[in-house]
């Protein structure tokens, strides 16, 4: 089970519309439940974001770090970590 701290949950609540057409969570508790259900992950660097996509079999060749961070599934927590949510 992943640990989603308050920074992660607030980031997701604030930015969830970048991935979903309507809000899927309104509270921190709902956000945590949703992220656990969809197996979201928190990584510690851009490099780990790239590694995650490679492990998932997603072609990231040729994509620069910034392009990967622009993916709808990637949420910048703001402290150097990133939340990846598979829509």
N, C-alpha and C. Protein backbone atom coordinates (compact mmCIF):
# COMPACT_ATOMS: atom_id res chain seq x y z
N UNK A 1 0.84 -1.19 0.00
CA UNK A 1 0.00 0.00 0.00
C UNK A 1 0.88 1.25 0.00
N UNK A 2 0.50 2.21 -0.78
CA UNK A 2 1.28 3.44 -0.87
C UNK A 2 0.86 4.41 0.22
N UNK A 3 1.81 5.16 0.69
CA UNK A 3 1.50 6.21 1.65
C UNK A 3 1.37 7.52 0.91
N UNK A 4 0.21 8.11 0.97
CA UNK A 4 -0.02 9.40 0.33
C UNK A 4 -0.12 10.43 1.44
N UNK A 5 0.87 11.33 1.52
CA UNK A 5 0.83 12.35 2.56
C UNK A 5 -0.07 13.50 2.12
N UNK A 6 -0.25 14.46 3.01
CA UNK A 6 -1.18 15.55 2.75
C UNK A 6 -0.79 16.35 1.50
N UNK A 7 0.51 16.56 1.28
CA UNK A 7 0.95 17.30 0.09
C UNK A 7 0.50 16.60 -1.18
N UNK A 8 0.65 15.29 -1.21
CA UNK A 8 0.26 14.50 -2.39
C UNK A 8 -1.25 14.60 -2.60
N UNK A 9 -2.01 14.41 -1.53
CA UNK A 9 -3.47 14.43 -1.63
C UNK A 9 -3.98 15.81 -2.06
N UNK A 10 -3.41 16.86 -1.49
CA UNK A 10 -3.84 18.21 -1.87
C UNK A 10 -3.49 18.52 -3.32
N UNK A 11 -2.33 18.07 -3.76
CA UNK A 11 -1.93 18.26 -5.16
C UNK A 11 -2.93 17.58 -6.09
N UNK A 12 -3.30 16.36 -5.74
CA UNK A 12 -4.26 15.63 -6.58
C UNK A 12 -5.62 16.32 -6.58
N UNK A 13 -6.10 16.70 -5.41
CA UNK A 13 -7.40 17.37 -5.33
C UNK A 13 -7.42 18.63 -6.18
N UNK A 14 -6.35 19.40 -6.10
CA UNK A 14 -6.28 20.68 -6.80
C UNK A 14 -6.18 20.50 -8.31
N UNK A 15 -5.52 19.43 -8.76
CA UNK A 15 -5.20 19.28 -10.18
C UNK A 15 -5.89 18.11 -10.88
N UNK A 16 -6.82 17.45 -10.22
CA UNK A 16 -7.41 16.23 -10.78
C UNK A 16 -8.09 16.44 -12.13
N UNK A 17 -8.54 17.65 -12.41
CA UNK A 17 -9.22 17.90 -13.69
C UNK A 17 -8.28 17.86 -14.88
N UNK A 18 -6.97 17.83 -14.64
CA UNK A 18 -6.04 17.69 -15.78
C UNK A 18 -6.13 16.28 -16.36
N UNK A 19 -6.62 15.33 -15.57
CA UNK A 19 -6.69 13.94 -16.01
C UNK A 19 -8.13 13.47 -16.22
N UNK A 20 -9.05 14.00 -15.44
CA UNK A 20 -10.43 13.52 -15.48
C UNK A 20 -11.37 14.65 -15.89
N UNK A 21 -12.46 14.32 -16.61
CA UNK A 21 -13.38 15.36 -17.07
C UNK A 21 -14.17 16.00 -15.94
N UNK A 22 -14.32 15.28 -14.83
CA UNK A 22 -14.99 15.86 -13.67
C UNK A 22 -14.27 15.37 -12.42
N UNK A 23 -14.51 16.05 -11.32
CA UNK A 23 -13.80 15.71 -10.09
C UNK A 23 -14.16 14.30 -9.62
N UNK A 24 -13.15 13.56 -9.22
CA UNK A 24 -13.37 12.20 -8.71
C UNK A 24 -13.26 12.17 -7.19
N UNK A 25 -12.80 13.26 -6.59
CA UNK A 25 -12.67 13.34 -5.14
C UNK A 25 -12.88 14.78 -4.69
N UNK A 26 -13.52 14.92 -3.52
CA UNK A 26 -13.77 16.25 -2.98
C UNK A 26 -13.04 16.48 -1.65
N UNK A 27 -12.64 15.40 -0.99
CA UNK A 27 -11.97 15.51 0.31
C UNK A 27 -10.64 14.77 0.25
N UNK A 28 -9.78 15.02 1.24
CA UNK A 28 -8.51 14.30 1.31
C UNK A 28 -8.75 12.80 1.43
N UNK A 29 -9.77 12.41 2.20
CA UNK A 29 -10.07 10.98 2.37
C UNK A 29 -10.48 10.35 1.04
N UNK A 30 -11.35 11.04 0.30
CA UNK A 30 -11.78 10.51 -1.00
C UNK A 30 -10.60 10.42 -1.95
N UNK A 31 -9.73 11.44 -1.92
CA UNK A 31 -8.55 11.43 -2.78
C UNK A 31 -7.67 10.23 -2.46
N UNK A 32 -7.46 9.98 -1.17
CA UNK A 32 -6.61 8.85 -0.77
C UNK A 32 -7.21 7.53 -1.23
N UNK A 33 -8.51 7.36 -1.01
CA UNK A 33 -9.18 6.13 -1.44
C UNK A 33 -9.06 5.94 -2.95
N UNK A 34 -9.28 7.02 -3.69
CA UNK A 34 -9.21 6.93 -5.15
C UNK A 34 -7.81 6.55 -5.61
N UNK A 35 -6.79 7.21 -5.04
CA UNK A 35 -5.41 6.95 -5.45
C UNK A 35 -5.00 5.52 -5.11
N UNK A 36 -5.46 5.02 -3.97
CA UNK A 36 -5.16 3.63 -3.62
C UNK A 36 -5.83 2.66 -4.58
N UNK A 37 -7.08 2.94 -4.93
CA UNK A 37 -7.82 2.06 -5.85
C UNK A 37 -7.17 1.99 -7.22
N UNK A 38 -6.66 3.11 -7.71
CA UNK A 38 -6.10 3.09 -9.06
C UNK A 38 -4.59 2.88 -9.06
N UNK A 39 -4.05 2.46 -7.92
CA UNK A 39 -2.64 2.07 -7.83
C UNK A 39 -1.70 3.22 -8.22
N UNK A 40 -2.03 4.42 -7.81
CA UNK A 40 -1.17 5.57 -8.09
C UNK A 40 0.16 5.39 -7.36
N UNK A 41 1.19 6.00 -7.89
CA UNK A 41 2.52 5.91 -7.25
C UNK A 41 3.11 7.31 -7.10
N UNK A 42 3.95 7.43 -6.08
CA UNK A 42 4.70 8.66 -5.87
C UNK A 42 6.17 8.34 -6.12
N UNK A 43 6.80 9.13 -6.97
CA UNK A 43 8.22 8.94 -7.26
C UNK A 43 8.97 10.21 -6.87
N UNK A 44 10.29 10.07 -6.73
CA UNK A 44 11.09 11.13 -6.14
C UNK A 44 11.85 12.00 -7.13
N UNK A 45 11.72 11.74 -8.43
CA UNK A 45 12.48 12.53 -9.40
C UNK A 45 11.91 12.34 -10.80
N UNK A 46 12.33 13.23 -11.70
CA UNK A 46 11.95 13.09 -13.11
C UNK A 46 12.47 11.76 -13.65
N UNK A 47 13.68 11.39 -13.25
CA UNK A 47 14.26 10.13 -13.70
C UNK A 47 13.36 8.95 -13.32
N UNK A 48 12.81 8.98 -12.10
CA UNK A 48 11.92 7.90 -11.68
C UNK A 48 10.60 7.91 -12.44
N UNK A 49 10.14 9.10 -12.86
CA UNK A 49 8.94 9.17 -13.71
C UNK A 49 9.22 8.43 -15.02
N UNK A 50 10.37 8.72 -15.63
CA UNK A 50 10.75 8.07 -16.89
C UNK A 50 10.85 6.56 -16.68
N UNK A 51 11.52 6.13 -15.60
CA UNK A 51 11.66 4.70 -15.32
C UNK A 51 10.30 4.03 -15.15
N UNK A 52 9.38 4.71 -14.48
CA UNK A 52 8.04 4.15 -14.28
C UNK A 52 7.37 3.90 -15.64
N UNK A 53 7.39 4.91 -16.52
CA UNK A 53 6.75 4.74 -17.82
C UNK A 53 7.43 3.64 -18.63
N UNK A 54 8.75 3.54 -18.54
CA UNK A 54 9.46 2.47 -19.26
C UNK A 54 9.04 1.10 -18.73
N UNK A 55 8.93 0.97 -17.39
CA UNK A 55 8.52 -0.31 -16.81
C UNK A 55 7.11 -0.68 -17.21
N UNK A 56 6.26 0.34 -17.42
CA UNK A 56 4.88 0.09 -17.82
C UNK A 56 4.77 -0.19 -19.32
N UNK A 57 5.90 -0.11 -20.03
CA UNK A 57 5.89 -0.39 -21.45
C UNK A 57 5.43 0.78 -22.30
N UNK A 58 5.44 1.97 -21.71
CA UNK A 58 5.03 3.17 -22.45
C UNK A 58 6.27 3.75 -23.12
N UNK A 59 6.17 4.01 -24.39
CA UNK A 59 7.32 4.50 -25.16
C UNK A 59 7.63 5.94 -24.76
N UNK A 60 8.77 6.13 -24.12
CA UNK A 60 9.18 7.48 -23.72
C UNK A 60 10.42 7.92 -24.48
N UNK A 61 10.86 7.09 -25.40
CA UNK A 61 12.07 7.42 -26.17
C UNK A 61 11.85 8.71 -26.94
N UNK A 62 12.79 9.61 -26.83
CA UNK A 62 12.68 10.87 -27.52
C UNK A 62 11.93 11.93 -26.74
N UNK A 63 11.23 11.54 -25.71
CA UNK A 63 10.52 12.52 -24.89
C UNK A 63 11.50 13.11 -23.88
N UNK A 64 11.55 14.39 -23.82
CA UNK A 64 12.42 15.05 -22.85
C UNK A 64 11.71 15.06 -21.50
N UNK A 65 12.47 15.31 -20.47
CA UNK A 65 11.90 15.32 -19.12
C UNK A 65 10.65 16.17 -19.01
N UNK A 66 10.71 17.37 -19.58
CA UNK A 66 9.56 18.27 -19.47
C UNK A 66 8.33 17.72 -20.19
N UNK A 67 8.55 17.05 -21.33
CA UNK A 67 7.42 16.49 -22.06
C UNK A 67 6.74 15.40 -21.25
N UNK A 68 7.55 14.59 -20.58
CA UNK A 68 6.97 13.53 -19.74
C UNK A 68 6.19 14.14 -18.60
N UNK A 69 6.70 15.23 -18.04
CA UNK A 69 6.00 15.88 -16.93
C UNK A 69 4.71 16.55 -17.38
N UNK A 70 4.58 16.80 -18.69
CA UNK A 70 3.34 17.38 -19.22
C UNK A 70 2.25 16.34 -19.42
N UNK A 71 2.58 15.07 -19.27
CA UNK A 71 1.57 14.01 -19.42
C UNK A 71 0.47 14.22 -18.40
N UNK A 72 -0.78 13.99 -18.82
CA UNK A 72 -1.91 14.21 -17.92
C UNK A 72 -1.83 13.36 -16.65
N UNK A 73 -1.15 12.21 -16.74
CA UNK A 73 -1.08 11.30 -15.59
C UNK A 73 -0.07 11.74 -14.53
N UNK A 74 0.76 12.73 -14.86
CA UNK A 74 1.85 13.13 -13.96
C UNK A 74 1.48 14.44 -13.27
N UNK A 75 1.51 14.38 -11.93
CA UNK A 75 1.18 15.55 -11.11
C UNK A 75 2.44 15.97 -10.37
N UNK A 76 2.84 17.22 -10.53
CA UNK A 76 4.01 17.76 -9.83
C UNK A 76 3.59 18.18 -8.43
N UNK A 77 4.09 17.47 -7.43
CA UNK A 77 3.70 17.74 -6.05
C UNK A 77 4.29 19.07 -5.58
N UNK A 78 5.41 19.47 -6.17
CA UNK A 78 5.98 20.76 -5.85
C UNK A 78 7.18 20.70 -4.93
N UNK A 79 7.52 19.50 -4.47
CA UNK A 79 8.67 19.35 -3.57
C UNK A 79 9.72 18.43 -4.17
N UNK A 80 9.66 18.27 -5.50
CA UNK A 80 10.60 17.38 -6.17
C UNK A 80 10.02 16.00 -6.44
N UNK A 81 8.87 15.71 -5.83
CA UNK A 81 8.22 14.41 -6.05
C UNK A 81 7.10 14.57 -7.08
N UNK A 82 6.73 13.43 -7.65
CA UNK A 82 5.68 13.42 -8.65
C UNK A 82 4.71 12.30 -8.34
N UNK A 83 3.43 12.57 -8.54
CA UNK A 83 2.38 11.58 -8.40
C UNK A 83 2.01 11.11 -9.81
N UNK A 84 1.97 9.79 -10.01
CA UNK A 84 1.57 9.24 -11.30
C UNK A 84 0.26 8.49 -11.10
N UNK A 85 -0.76 8.90 -11.84
CA UNK A 85 -2.08 8.30 -11.72
C UNK A 85 -2.47 7.73 -13.06
N UNK A 86 -2.72 6.43 -13.10
CA UNK A 86 -3.18 5.81 -14.35
C UNK A 86 -4.67 6.07 -14.47
N UNK A 87 -5.04 6.87 -15.46
CA UNK A 87 -6.47 7.21 -15.64
C UNK A 87 -7.17 5.99 -16.10
